[in-house]
Structures are given as C-alpha cells and as structure tokens.
Amino acid sequence: MSTSPYSAMQLDALRELANIGSGTAGTALAQMLGRPVDISIPAALALPLADAVDAVGAAETPVTAVLLPLQGDLDAVVLLVFPVQDAERICVLLGVEPDSEIGRSALGEVGNILGSSYVGALAALTGLALEPEPPQTAGDMLGAIVASVLAARSQATDVALILDSQLEVEGESCAISFLLLPAAGGVDDLLVRMGVET
C-alpha cells in the first residue's frame, strides 16, 4: 500500500475533523441506544482510492454498508462500512434481528447518525453547505460495494478520506470505517477550506 500524499499537518487537520464528528456521533448514538457510547478515532487517512479500499479491508470481505450521497457544495458520497459481525452486534444492541428489514433499517439509521455527524463537523470546519440524502443500506463484499458506488457516480474519485473508528457500547466493541468519496480534487479543496494548503 502506498503512503498518503498528504503532510503530517494536513492529516492532523483531518484528525481534528474526525474528533469533532465522533464526539457529536457518540452523543447522538447514546441517545438513540439509551446507553453510554464511546467512539475513538485511531486513524484519519487520505489515500488514493485503491489504497483506501485496502486500508478498510480485503475486497472480498463481507460487510454491511450505509451509503449517504451528499447534496450541496461538495460532490461526494459518504460510505460507512461495518464488518458483518459488528453490524450484527449493533442490531442486537438495538433489539432487532440482524437479517431482517427492521435490522437493515436500524443500521441505516445508525449510519445516518454517524455520517450526518461527520458531515456536520466537515460543514462547520469548512463553511461548505452539505446535506446528506436519505441512507441506503447494502450487504455485499467490500470491493463490490465500492465498485457499485463509483459506477453510479458521474465524476471520478481520485482520493478518499477514511476515518476508522472503534465504537464501544457498554463494553461491546464494534469497528466502523467512514469513507468520504469526493469528486476529483475534493479532499484538496477541503484542506484548503480548513486553512491547510495542499
């Protein structure tokens, strides 16, 4: 895997975004679950697309993904990726069957809360007007989901922003990957808006 094309200062700015978004997300999820939620941000990466997928997991890994297209000043899609066992754990915490329509809807709402929290932080730090569209939930292999998202987009994505989180609800740990897939040049634009020149 190649290294990030961004400097330590630029990655620090992205980590700051991750920290603000995770704090908001943790509060919102705790209210939804009625339990304490802790979200840590071990990594914030901006990588070429192929490397970004590898950083999240092997292309053949089965995952549950929540897709949030963005409207507004940035042409982008948010993709939240849950390993299958962690998606099941979240459903159990919510008291719903993992492979049911209600389970998928509940995961979509969790993804919506997490994605909207990060997007809200991004909007606050950059001044961009950003609004997530309703969530779409899918289960498939990681590579197939990313390929289908990219195939549906009119503009090419060159660099993806990844925020890898560990979510803990009353001792139950789950992994979540947040991917922002902007149109070409989108991550550079974000960094400039955050006052960190590329």
N, C-alpha and C. Protein backbone atom coordinates (compact mmCIF):
# COMPACT_ATOMS: atom_id res chain seq x y z
N MET A 1 0.84 -1.18 0.00
CA MET A 1 0.00 0.00 0.00
C MET A 1 0.88 1.24 0.00
N SER A 2 0.57 2.23 -0.83
CA SER A 2 1.39 3.43 -0.88
C SER A 2 1.03 4.34 0.29
N THR A 3 1.92 5.27 0.59
CA THR A 3 1.67 6.17 1.71
C THR A 3 0.76 7.31 1.27
N SER A 4 0.25 8.02 2.25
CA SER A 4 -0.65 9.14 1.97
C SER A 4 0.10 10.24 1.24
N PRO A 5 -0.56 10.89 0.27
CA PRO A 5 0.08 12.02 -0.42
C PRO A 5 0.04 13.31 0.40
N TYR A 6 -0.43 13.25 1.65
CA TYR A 6 -0.61 14.45 2.46
C TYR A 6 0.40 14.53 3.59
N SER A 7 0.65 15.76 4.04
CA SER A 7 1.65 16.01 5.08
C SER A 7 1.06 15.69 6.46
N ALA A 8 1.96 15.66 7.46
CA ALA A 8 1.52 15.42 8.84
C ALA A 8 0.55 16.51 9.29
N MET A 9 0.79 17.77 8.89
CA MET A 9 -0.10 18.86 9.29
C MET A 9 -1.49 18.69 8.67
N GLN A 10 -1.51 18.27 7.41
CA GLN A 10 -2.80 18.06 6.73
C GLN A 10 -3.57 16.90 7.38
N LEU A 11 -2.85 15.84 7.72
CA LEU A 11 -3.51 14.69 8.35
C LEU A 11 -3.98 15.05 9.76
N ASP A 12 -3.25 15.93 10.45
CA ASP A 12 -3.71 16.41 11.76
C ASP A 12 -5.03 17.16 11.63
N ALA A 13 -5.16 17.95 10.55
CA ALA A 13 -6.41 18.69 10.32
C ALA A 13 -7.56 17.71 10.09
N LEU A 14 -7.30 16.63 9.36
CA LEU A 14 -8.33 15.62 9.12
C LEU A 14 -8.68 14.88 10.41
N ARG A 15 -7.67 14.65 11.27
CA ARG A 15 -7.94 14.00 12.56
C ARG A 15 -8.81 14.90 13.44
N GLU A 16 -8.58 16.20 13.37
CA GLU A 16 -9.40 17.15 14.13
C GLU A 16 -10.85 17.06 13.69
N LEU A 17 -11.05 16.99 12.38
CA LEU A 17 -12.39 16.79 11.83
C LEU A 17 -12.99 15.50 12.40
N ALA A 18 -12.20 14.43 12.41
CA ALA A 18 -12.67 13.13 12.91
C ALA A 18 -13.07 13.22 14.37
N ASN A 19 -12.26 13.92 15.17
CA ASN A 19 -12.56 14.03 16.60
C ASN A 19 -13.85 14.79 16.87
N ILE A 20 -14.06 15.88 16.14
CA ILE A 20 -15.29 16.66 16.32
C ILE A 20 -16.50 15.83 15.89
N GLY A 21 -16.39 15.19 14.72
CA GLY A 21 -17.51 14.37 14.23
C GLY A 21 -17.82 13.21 15.15
N SER A 22 -16.79 12.58 15.71
CA SER A 22 -17.03 11.41 16.56
C SER A 22 -17.70 11.81 17.87
N GLY A 23 -17.34 12.99 18.41
CA GLY A 23 -17.98 13.45 19.64
C GLY A 23 -19.47 13.65 19.44
N THR A 24 -19.83 14.29 18.32
CA THR A 24 -21.24 14.51 18.00
C THR A 24 -21.95 13.19 17.77
N ALA A 25 -21.29 12.29 17.04
CA ALA A 25 -21.89 10.99 16.73
C ALA A 25 -22.11 10.17 17.99
N GLY A 26 -21.14 10.19 18.91
CA GLY A 26 -21.27 9.43 20.15
C GLY A 26 -22.47 9.89 20.97
N THR A 27 -22.66 11.21 21.06
CA THR A 27 -23.80 11.76 21.81
C THR A 27 -25.12 11.35 21.17
N ALA A 28 -25.20 11.48 19.83
CA ALA A 28 -26.44 11.14 19.13
C ALA A 28 -26.77 9.65 19.23
N LEU A 29 -25.74 8.80 19.11
CA LEU A 29 -25.96 7.35 19.21
C LEU A 29 -26.36 6.94 20.62
N ALA A 30 -25.76 7.58 21.62
CA ALA A 30 -26.11 7.27 23.01
C ALA A 30 -27.59 7.56 23.25
N GLN A 31 -28.08 8.66 22.68
CA GLN A 31 -29.50 8.99 22.82
C GLN A 31 -30.38 7.95 22.13
N MET A 32 -29.94 7.50 20.94
CA MET A 32 -30.72 6.51 20.20
C MET A 32 -30.77 5.17 20.93
N LEU A 33 -29.61 4.76 21.48
CA LEU A 33 -29.50 3.45 22.12
C LEU A 33 -29.96 3.47 23.58
N GLY A 34 -29.96 4.65 24.17
CA GLY A 34 -30.28 4.74 25.59
C GLY A 34 -29.18 4.15 26.45
N ARG A 35 -27.94 4.15 25.94
CA ARG A 35 -26.79 3.61 26.67
C ARG A 35 -25.58 4.50 26.40
N PRO A 36 -24.58 4.46 27.29
CA PRO A 36 -23.37 5.24 27.02
C PRO A 36 -22.63 4.70 25.80
N VAL A 37 -22.12 5.60 24.98
CA VAL A 37 -21.39 5.23 23.76
C VAL A 37 -20.06 5.96 23.77
N ASP A 38 -19.00 5.23 23.47
CA ASP A 38 -17.67 5.84 23.35
C ASP A 38 -17.15 5.55 21.95
N ILE A 39 -16.74 6.59 21.23
CA ILE A 39 -16.17 6.40 19.90
C ILE A 39 -14.75 6.95 19.92
N SER A 40 -13.79 6.08 19.58
CA SER A 40 -12.41 6.54 19.48
C SER A 40 -12.05 6.64 18.00
N ILE A 41 -11.11 7.52 17.68
CA ILE A 41 -10.66 7.69 16.30
C ILE A 41 -9.18 7.33 16.23
N PRO A 42 -8.87 6.08 15.90
CA PRO A 42 -7.46 5.71 15.84
C PRO A 42 -6.78 6.17 14.56
N ALA A 43 -7.54 6.47 13.50
CA ALA A 43 -6.88 6.77 12.24
C ALA A 43 -7.69 7.74 11.40
N ALA A 44 -7.00 8.67 10.76
CA ALA A 44 -7.60 9.53 9.74
C ALA A 44 -6.62 9.52 8.57
N LEU A 45 -7.06 9.04 7.44
CA LEU A 45 -6.19 8.86 6.28
C LEU A 45 -6.82 9.49 5.05
N ALA A 46 -5.98 10.01 4.17
CA ALA A 46 -6.42 10.43 2.85
C ALA A 46 -5.53 9.68 1.86
N LEU A 47 -6.13 8.74 1.13
CA LEU A 47 -5.35 7.84 0.29
C LEU A 47 -5.93 7.76 -1.12
N PRO A 48 -5.07 7.42 -2.10
CA PRO A 48 -5.61 7.09 -3.42
C PRO A 48 -6.65 5.99 -3.27
N LEU A 49 -7.65 6.02 -4.13
CA LEU A 49 -8.83 5.17 -3.95
C LEU A 49 -8.51 3.69 -3.75
N ALA A 50 -7.65 3.11 -4.58
CA ALA A 50 -7.35 1.67 -4.47
C ALA A 50 -6.75 1.36 -3.11
N ASP A 51 -5.87 2.24 -2.63
CA ASP A 51 -5.24 2.03 -1.32
C ASP A 51 -6.25 2.22 -0.19
N ALA A 52 -7.20 3.12 -0.42
CA ALA A 52 -8.22 3.38 0.60
C ALA A 52 -9.06 2.13 0.84
N VAL A 53 -9.44 1.45 -0.23
CA VAL A 53 -10.23 0.21 -0.08
C VAL A 53 -9.42 -0.83 0.68
N ASP A 54 -8.14 -0.96 0.32
CA ASP A 54 -7.26 -1.92 1.03
C ASP A 54 -7.14 -1.58 2.51
N ALA A 55 -7.13 -0.28 2.83
CA ALA A 55 -6.98 0.15 4.22
C ALA A 55 -8.20 -0.23 5.05
N VAL A 56 -9.37 -0.27 4.41
CA VAL A 56 -10.59 -0.63 5.12
C VAL A 56 -10.69 -2.14 5.31
N GLY A 57 -10.24 -2.90 4.31
CA GLY A 57 -10.28 -4.36 4.41
C GLY A 57 -10.09 -5.00 3.05
N ALA A 58 -9.94 -6.31 3.05
CA ALA A 58 -9.79 -7.03 1.77
C ALA A 58 -11.06 -6.89 0.94
N ALA A 59 -10.89 -6.78 -0.38
CA ALA A 59 -12.03 -6.55 -1.28
C ALA A 59 -13.11 -7.62 -1.13
N GLU A 60 -12.70 -8.85 -0.78
CA GLU A 60 -13.68 -9.95 -0.68
C GLU A 60 -14.32 -10.07 0.71
N THR A 61 -14.00 -9.14 1.63
CA THR A 61 -14.57 -9.17 2.98
C THR A 61 -16.06 -8.85 2.94
N PRO A 62 -16.93 -9.71 3.51
CA PRO A 62 -18.35 -9.36 3.56
C PRO A 62 -18.59 -8.23 4.56
N VAL A 63 -19.34 -7.22 4.15
CA VAL A 63 -19.61 -6.07 5.00
C VAL A 63 -21.06 -5.62 4.84
N THR A 64 -21.51 -4.83 5.79
CA THR A 64 -22.75 -4.08 5.64
C THR A 64 -22.35 -2.63 5.48
N ALA A 65 -22.89 -1.97 4.46
CA ALA A 65 -22.52 -0.59 4.19
C ALA A 65 -23.75 0.30 4.17
N VAL A 66 -23.57 1.51 4.65
CA VAL A 66 -24.62 2.53 4.58
C VAL A 66 -24.10 3.67 3.72
N LEU A 67 -24.84 3.98 2.67
CA LEU A 67 -24.45 4.98 1.68
C LEU A 67 -25.26 6.25 1.89
N LEU A 68 -24.56 7.39 1.97
CA LEU A 68 -25.22 8.69 2.11
C LEU A 68 -24.68 9.63 1.02
N PRO A 69 -25.40 9.80 -0.09
CA PRO A 69 -24.97 10.81 -1.06
C PRO A 69 -25.11 12.20 -0.43
N LEU A 70 -24.23 13.12 -0.80
CA LEU A 70 -24.29 14.48 -0.25
C LEU A 70 -24.82 15.46 -1.29
N GLN A 71 -25.64 16.37 -0.83
CA GLN A 71 -26.09 17.48 -1.64
C GLN A 71 -25.39 18.74 -1.15
N GLY A 72 -25.21 19.71 -2.04
CA GLY A 72 -24.65 20.98 -1.62
C GLY A 72 -23.38 21.34 -2.34
N ASP A 73 -22.41 21.90 -1.59
CA ASP A 73 -21.21 22.48 -2.19
C ASP A 73 -20.12 21.47 -2.56
N LEU A 74 -20.29 20.22 -2.17
CA LEU A 74 -19.27 19.20 -2.46
C LEU A 74 -19.93 18.00 -3.11
N ASP A 75 -19.44 17.61 -4.29
CA ASP A 75 -19.95 16.42 -4.96
C ASP A 75 -19.26 15.20 -4.32
N ALA A 76 -19.98 14.49 -3.48
CA ALA A 76 -19.35 13.41 -2.72
C ALA A 76 -20.39 12.41 -2.25
N VAL A 77 -19.89 11.24 -1.89
CA VAL A 77 -20.70 10.19 -1.28
C VAL A 77 -20.01 9.76 0.01
N VAL A 78 -20.79 9.59 1.07
CA VAL A 78 -20.28 9.04 2.32
C VAL A 78 -20.63 7.56 2.34
N LEU A 79 -19.65 6.72 2.68
CA LEU A 79 -19.86 5.29 2.78
C LEU A 79 -19.41 4.85 4.17
N LEU A 80 -20.33 4.33 4.97
CA LEU A 80 -19.99 3.79 6.28
C LEU A 80 -19.97 2.27 6.17
N VAL A 81 -18.87 1.67 6.58
CA VAL A 81 -18.67 0.23 6.40
C VAL A 81 -18.57 -0.45 7.77
N PHE A 82 -19.45 -1.43 7.98
CA PHE A 82 -19.45 -2.22 9.21
C PHE A 82 -19.08 -3.66 8.86
N PRO A 83 -18.05 -4.25 9.48
CA PRO A 83 -17.85 -5.69 9.32
C PRO A 83 -19.14 -6.41 9.72
N VAL A 84 -19.45 -7.54 9.07
CA VAL A 84 -20.73 -8.21 9.27
C VAL A 84 -20.99 -8.50 10.75
N GLN A 85 -19.99 -9.02 11.46
CA GLN A 85 -20.23 -9.38 12.87
C GLN A 85 -20.52 -8.15 13.71
N ASP A 86 -19.92 -7.00 13.35
CA ASP A 86 -20.17 -5.79 14.12
C ASP A 86 -21.54 -5.20 13.79
N ALA A 87 -21.98 -5.33 12.53
CA ALA A 87 -23.34 -4.91 12.17
C ALA A 87 -24.35 -5.73 12.95
N GLU A 88 -24.10 -7.04 13.08
CA GLU A 88 -24.99 -7.91 13.85
C GLU A 88 -25.01 -7.49 15.32
N ARG A 89 -23.83 -7.14 15.86
CA ARG A 89 -23.75 -6.74 17.27
C ARG A 89 -24.57 -5.48 17.51
N ILE A 90 -24.49 -4.52 16.59
CA ILE A 90 -25.27 -3.28 16.73
C ILE A 90 -26.76 -3.59 16.71
N CYS A 91 -27.18 -4.49 15.80
CA CYS A 91 -28.59 -4.87 15.74
C CYS A 91 -29.05 -5.49 17.06
N VAL A 92 -28.23 -6.36 17.63
CA VAL A 92 -28.58 -7.00 18.91
C VAL A 92 -28.73 -5.93 20.00
N LEU A 93 -27.80 -4.96 20.01
CA LEU A 93 -27.89 -3.87 21.00
C LEU A 93 -29.18 -3.07 20.83
N LEU A 94 -29.65 -2.97 19.59
CA LEU A 94 -30.89 -2.24 19.32
C LEU A 94 -32.13 -3.12 19.51
N GLY A 95 -31.91 -4.42 19.75
CA GLY A 95 -33.03 -5.33 19.98
C GLY A 95 -33.78 -5.72 18.71
N VAL A 96 -33.05 -5.74 17.56
CA VAL A 96 -33.68 -6.13 16.29
C VAL A 96 -32.91 -7.27 15.65
N GLU A 97 -33.59 -8.02 14.79
CA GLU A 97 -32.96 -9.14 14.08
C GLU A 97 -32.01 -8.60 13.01
N PRO A 98 -30.75 -9.08 12.99
CA PRO A 98 -29.77 -8.54 12.04
C PRO A 98 -30.17 -8.69 10.57
N ASP A 99 -30.73 -9.83 10.18
CA ASP A 99 -31.01 -10.06 8.76
C ASP A 99 -32.43 -9.72 8.36
N SER A 100 -33.08 -8.88 9.14
CA SER A 100 -34.47 -8.51 8.85
C SER A 100 -34.53 -7.12 8.21
N GLU A 101 -35.68 -6.79 7.68
CA GLU A 101 -35.90 -5.45 7.12
C GLU A 101 -35.74 -4.39 8.22
N ILE A 102 -36.24 -4.70 9.42
CA ILE A 102 -36.11 -3.77 10.54
C ILE A 102 -34.64 -3.61 10.93
N GLY A 103 -33.89 -4.71 10.90
CA GLY A 103 -32.46 -4.66 11.20
C GLY A 103 -31.71 -3.77 10.22
N ARG A 104 -32.00 -3.94 8.92
CA ARG A 104 -31.35 -3.11 7.90
C ARG A 104 -31.73 -1.64 8.07
N SER A 105 -32.99 -1.39 8.39
CA SER A 105 -33.46 -0.03 8.61
C SER A 105 -32.75 0.60 9.82
N ALA A 106 -32.59 -0.19 10.89
CA ALA A 106 -31.92 0.30 12.10
C ALA A 106 -30.45 0.63 11.80
N LEU A 107 -29.77 -0.24 11.04
CA LEU A 107 -28.39 0.03 10.67
C LEU A 107 -28.30 1.27 9.79
N GLY A 108 -29.29 1.45 8.91
CA GLY A 108 -29.33 2.65 8.08
C GLY A 108 -29.43 3.89 8.93
N GLU A 109 -30.22 3.81 10.00
CA GLU A 109 -30.38 4.97 10.89
C GLU A 109 -29.10 5.23 11.69
N VAL A 110 -28.43 4.15 12.15
CA VAL A 110 -27.14 4.32 12.84
C VAL A 110 -26.13 4.96 11.88
N GLY A 111 -26.09 4.44 10.64
CA GLY A 111 -25.19 5.02 9.63
C GLY A 111 -25.53 6.48 9.35
N ASN A 112 -26.82 6.78 9.32
CA ASN A 112 -27.27 8.15 9.07
C ASN A 112 -26.79 9.08 10.19
N ILE A 113 -26.91 8.62 11.44
CA ILE A 113 -26.46 9.43 12.58
C ILE A 113 -24.95 9.65 12.53
N LEU A 114 -24.21 8.57 12.31
CA LEU A 114 -22.75 8.69 12.24
C LEU A 114 -22.32 9.57 11.07
N GLY A 115 -22.86 9.27 9.88
CA GLY A 115 -22.48 10.02 8.69
C GLY A 115 -22.85 11.49 8.80
N SER A 116 -24.05 11.77 9.30
CA SER A 116 -24.50 13.16 9.44
C SER A 116 -23.64 13.92 10.45
N SER A 117 -23.18 13.23 11.50
CA SER A 117 -22.33 13.86 12.49
C SER A 117 -21.00 14.29 11.88
N TYR A 118 -20.38 13.39 11.11
CA TYR A 118 -19.11 13.73 10.46
C TYR A 118 -19.29 14.82 9.41
N VAL A 119 -20.38 14.72 8.64
CA VAL A 119 -20.64 15.71 7.60
C VAL A 119 -20.92 17.07 8.23
N GLY A 120 -21.63 17.07 9.37
CA GLY A 120 -21.89 18.32 10.08
C GLY A 120 -20.60 18.97 10.56
N ALA A 121 -19.68 18.14 11.08
CA ALA A 121 -18.39 18.66 11.51
C ALA A 121 -17.61 19.23 10.33
N LEU A 122 -17.67 18.53 9.21
CA LEU A 122 -16.99 18.97 7.99
C LEU A 122 -17.54 20.31 7.53
N ALA A 123 -18.86 20.44 7.54
CA ALA A 123 -19.50 21.69 7.13
C ALA A 123 -19.10 22.83 8.07
N ALA A 124 -19.07 22.56 9.38
CA ALA A 124 -18.73 23.59 10.36
C ALA A 124 -17.28 24.07 10.19
N LEU A 125 -16.37 23.13 9.89
CA LEU A 125 -14.95 23.49 9.78
C LEU A 125 -14.61 24.16 8.45
N THR A 126 -15.39 23.87 7.41
CA THR A 126 -15.04 24.36 6.07
C THR A 126 -15.95 25.47 5.57
N GLY A 127 -17.12 25.64 6.20
CA GLY A 127 -18.07 26.62 5.71
C GLY A 127 -18.86 26.14 4.50
N LEU A 128 -18.68 24.89 4.11
CA LEU A 128 -19.43 24.34 2.98
C LEU A 128 -20.86 24.01 3.40
N ALA A 129 -21.80 24.22 2.49
CA ALA A 129 -23.18 23.78 2.72
C ALA A 129 -23.29 22.33 2.27
N LEU A 130 -23.52 21.43 3.22
CA LEU A 130 -23.57 19.99 2.93
C LEU A 130 -24.79 19.38 3.59
N GLU A 131 -25.52 18.58 2.85
CA GLU A 131 -26.72 17.94 3.40
C GLU A 131 -26.76 16.48 2.93
N PRO A 132 -26.72 15.51 3.87
CA PRO A 132 -26.82 14.10 3.45
C PRO A 132 -28.22 13.78 2.95
N GLU A 133 -28.28 12.95 1.92
CA GLU A 133 -29.56 12.43 1.44
C GLU A 133 -29.94 11.21 2.30
N PRO A 134 -31.19 10.69 2.17
CA PRO A 134 -31.57 9.52 2.97
C PRO A 134 -30.61 8.35 2.76
N PRO A 135 -30.37 7.57 3.84
CA PRO A 135 -29.39 6.48 3.74
C PRO A 135 -29.90 5.29 2.94
N GLN A 136 -28.96 4.60 2.29
CA GLN A 136 -29.25 3.34 1.61
C GLN A 136 -28.34 2.28 2.23
N THR A 137 -28.89 1.13 2.55
CA THR A 137 -28.12 0.07 3.21
C THR A 137 -27.94 -1.11 2.26
N ALA A 138 -26.72 -1.66 2.24
CA ALA A 138 -26.44 -2.80 1.36
C ALA A 138 -25.50 -3.76 2.06
N GLY A 139 -25.65 -5.05 1.76
CA GLY A 139 -24.73 -6.06 2.24
C GLY A 139 -24.09 -6.77 1.07
N ASP A 140 -22.76 -6.80 1.03
CA ASP A 140 -22.05 -7.44 -0.08
C ASP A 140 -20.58 -7.49 0.30
N MET A 141 -19.74 -7.90 -0.65
CA MET A 141 -18.30 -7.83 -0.43
C MET A 141 -17.86 -6.38 -0.58
N LEU A 142 -16.86 -5.99 0.22
CA LEU A 142 -16.41 -4.61 0.25
C LEU A 142 -16.08 -4.08 -1.14
N GLY A 143 -15.32 -4.85 -1.92
CA GLY A 143 -14.91 -4.40 -3.25
C GLY A 143 -16.11 -4.16 -4.16
N ALA A 144 -17.11 -5.04 -4.08
CA ALA A 144 -18.30 -4.91 -4.93
C ALA A 144 -19.09 -3.66 -4.57
N ILE A 145 -19.19 -3.37 -3.27
CA ILE A 145 -19.95 -2.18 -2.84
C ILE A 145 -19.26 -0.91 -3.32
N VAL A 146 -17.94 -0.83 -3.11
CA VAL A 146 -17.22 0.37 -3.54
C VAL A 146 -17.31 0.53 -5.06
N ALA A 147 -17.17 -0.58 -5.80
CA ALA A 147 -17.25 -0.51 -7.26
C ALA A 147 -18.61 -0.03 -7.72
N SER A 148 -19.68 -0.50 -7.07
CA SER A 148 -21.03 -0.09 -7.49
C SER A 148 -21.28 1.38 -7.15
N VAL A 149 -20.74 1.86 -6.03
CA VAL A 149 -20.89 3.27 -5.67
C VAL A 149 -20.19 4.14 -6.71
N LEU A 150 -18.97 3.75 -7.08
CA LEU A 150 -18.20 4.55 -8.04
C LEU A 150 -18.83 4.51 -9.43
N ALA A 151 -19.39 3.35 -9.79
CA ALA A 151 -20.01 3.23 -11.12
C ALA A 151 -21.22 4.13 -11.24
N ALA A 152 -21.89 4.40 -10.11
CA ALA A 152 -23.10 5.23 -10.13
C ALA A 152 -22.79 6.72 -10.13
N ARG A 153 -21.51 7.07 -9.94
CA ARG A 153 -21.15 8.49 -9.85
C ARG A 153 -20.72 9.05 -11.19
N SER A 154 -21.10 10.30 -11.43
CA SER A 154 -20.79 10.91 -12.72
C SER A 154 -19.35 11.40 -12.78
N GLN A 155 -18.76 11.73 -11.63
CA GLN A 155 -17.39 12.26 -11.61
C GLN A 155 -16.44 11.27 -10.95
N ALA A 156 -15.21 11.24 -11.45
CA ALA A 156 -14.21 10.32 -10.92
C ALA A 156 -13.78 10.75 -9.52
N THR A 157 -13.45 9.75 -8.70
CA THR A 157 -12.90 10.00 -7.37
C THR A 157 -11.43 9.61 -7.41
N ASP A 158 -10.55 10.52 -6.99
CA ASP A 158 -9.12 10.18 -7.02
C ASP A 158 -8.57 9.85 -5.63
N VAL A 159 -9.03 10.58 -4.62
CA VAL A 159 -8.56 10.37 -3.25
C VAL A 159 -9.76 10.21 -2.33
N ALA A 160 -9.69 9.25 -1.43
CA ALA A 160 -10.76 9.03 -0.45
C ALA A 160 -10.26 9.42 0.93
N LEU A 161 -11.15 10.00 1.72
CA LEU A 161 -10.86 10.31 3.11
C LEU A 161 -11.43 9.18 3.96
N ILE A 162 -10.60 8.60 4.82
CA ILE A 162 -11.03 7.49 5.67
C ILE A 162 -10.88 7.88 7.14
N LEU A 163 -11.94 7.65 7.91
CA LEU A 163 -11.88 7.82 9.36
C LEU A 163 -12.26 6.47 9.96
N ASP A 164 -11.29 5.78 10.54
CA ASP A 164 -11.56 4.48 11.15
C ASP A 164 -11.86 4.68 12.62
N SER A 165 -12.98 4.13 13.08
CA SER A 165 -13.43 4.33 14.45
C SER A 165 -13.63 3.00 15.17
N GLN A 166 -13.45 3.03 16.47
CA GLN A 166 -13.88 1.94 17.33
C GLN A 166 -15.04 2.46 18.15
N LEU A 167 -16.16 1.78 18.05
CA LEU A 167 -17.37 2.18 18.76
C LEU A 167 -17.56 1.22 19.92
N GLU A 168 -17.74 1.75 21.13
CA GLU A 168 -17.95 0.88 22.29
C GLU A 168 -19.25 1.26 22.99
N VAL A 169 -20.14 0.28 23.11
CA VAL A 169 -21.42 0.48 23.79
C VAL A 169 -21.47 -0.49 24.95
N GLU A 170 -21.34 0.03 26.17
CA GLU A 170 -21.38 -0.80 27.38
C GLU A 170 -20.49 -2.05 27.25
N GLY A 171 -19.24 -1.83 26.87
CA GLY A 171 -18.29 -2.92 26.79
C GLY A 171 -18.32 -3.72 25.51
N GLU A 172 -19.32 -3.50 24.65
CA GLU A 172 -19.39 -4.17 23.35
C GLU A 172 -18.66 -3.32 22.33
N SER A 173 -17.62 -3.88 21.71
CA SER A 173 -16.80 -3.11 20.78
C SER A 173 -17.17 -3.42 19.33
N CYS A 174 -17.25 -2.40 18.50
CA CYS A 174 -17.56 -2.55 17.07
C CYS A 174 -16.62 -1.65 16.28
N ALA A 175 -16.25 -2.10 15.08
CA ALA A 175 -15.41 -1.29 14.20
C ALA A 175 -16.28 -0.66 13.11
N ILE A 176 -15.98 0.59 12.78
CA ILE A 176 -16.69 1.30 11.72
C ILE A 176 -15.66 2.05 10.89
N SER A 177 -15.81 1.99 9.59
CA SER A 177 -14.98 2.82 8.72
C SER A 177 -15.88 3.82 8.00
N PHE A 178 -15.49 5.09 8.06
CA PHE A 178 -16.18 6.17 7.37
C PHE A 178 -15.33 6.53 6.16
N LEU A 179 -15.90 6.44 4.97
CA LEU A 179 -15.19 6.85 3.77
C LEU A 179 -15.93 8.02 3.13
N LEU A 180 -15.21 9.07 2.83
CA LEU A 180 -15.76 10.18 2.06
C LEU A 180 -15.15 10.06 0.67
N LEU A 181 -16.01 9.88 -0.33
CA LEU A 181 -15.56 9.71 -1.71
C LEU A 181 -15.98 10.95 -2.50
N PRO A 182 -15.13 11.99 -2.50
CA PRO A 182 -15.49 13.21 -3.23
C PRO A 182 -15.07 13.11 -4.70
N ALA A 183 -15.62 14.01 -5.50
CA ALA A 183 -15.16 14.12 -6.88
C ALA A 183 -13.67 14.48 -6.88
N ALA A 184 -13.00 14.27 -8.01
CA ALA A 184 -11.56 14.52 -8.11
C ALA A 184 -11.22 15.90 -7.56
N GLY A 185 -10.18 15.95 -6.73
CA GLY A 185 -9.73 17.21 -6.13
C GLY A 185 -10.49 17.61 -4.87
N GLY A 186 -11.49 16.82 -4.48
CA GLY A 186 -12.34 17.19 -3.36
C GLY A 186 -11.62 17.25 -2.03
N VAL A 187 -10.73 16.31 -1.74
CA VAL A 187 -10.00 16.32 -0.46
C VAL A 187 -9.08 17.54 -0.41
N ASP A 188 -8.43 17.86 -1.53
CA ASP A 188 -7.58 19.07 -1.58
C ASP A 188 -8.41 20.31 -1.27
N ASP A 189 -9.59 20.40 -1.86
CA ASP A 189 -10.48 21.56 -1.61
C ASP A 189 -10.83 21.66 -0.13
N LEU A 190 -11.12 20.53 0.49
CA LEU A 190 -11.47 20.52 1.92
C LEU A 190 -10.31 21.05 2.76
N LEU A 191 -9.10 20.59 2.46
CA LEU A 191 -7.93 21.01 3.23
C LEU A 191 -7.69 22.51 3.08
N VAL A 192 -7.85 23.04 1.87
CA VAL A 192 -7.70 24.48 1.66
C VAL A 192 -8.75 25.23 2.48
N ARG A 193 -9.98 24.74 2.49
CA ARG A 193 -11.07 25.38 3.26
C ARG A 193 -10.77 25.34 4.76
N MET A 194 -10.03 24.30 5.19
CA MET A 194 -9.69 24.17 6.61
C MET A 194 -8.43 24.97 6.95
N GLY A 195 -7.90 25.70 5.94
CA GLY A 195 -6.73 26.54 6.18
C GLY A 195 -5.41 25.80 6.12
N VAL A 196 -5.43 24.58 5.55
CA VAL A 196 -4.21 23.78 5.42
C VAL A 196 -3.93 23.62 3.92
N GLU A 197 -3.02 24.41 3.40
CA GLU A 197 -2.76 24.39 1.95
C GLU A 197 -2.22 23.05 1.51
N THR A 198 -2.61 22.63 0.29
CA THR A 198 -2.08 21.37 -0.26
C THR A 198 -0.86 21.64 -1.09
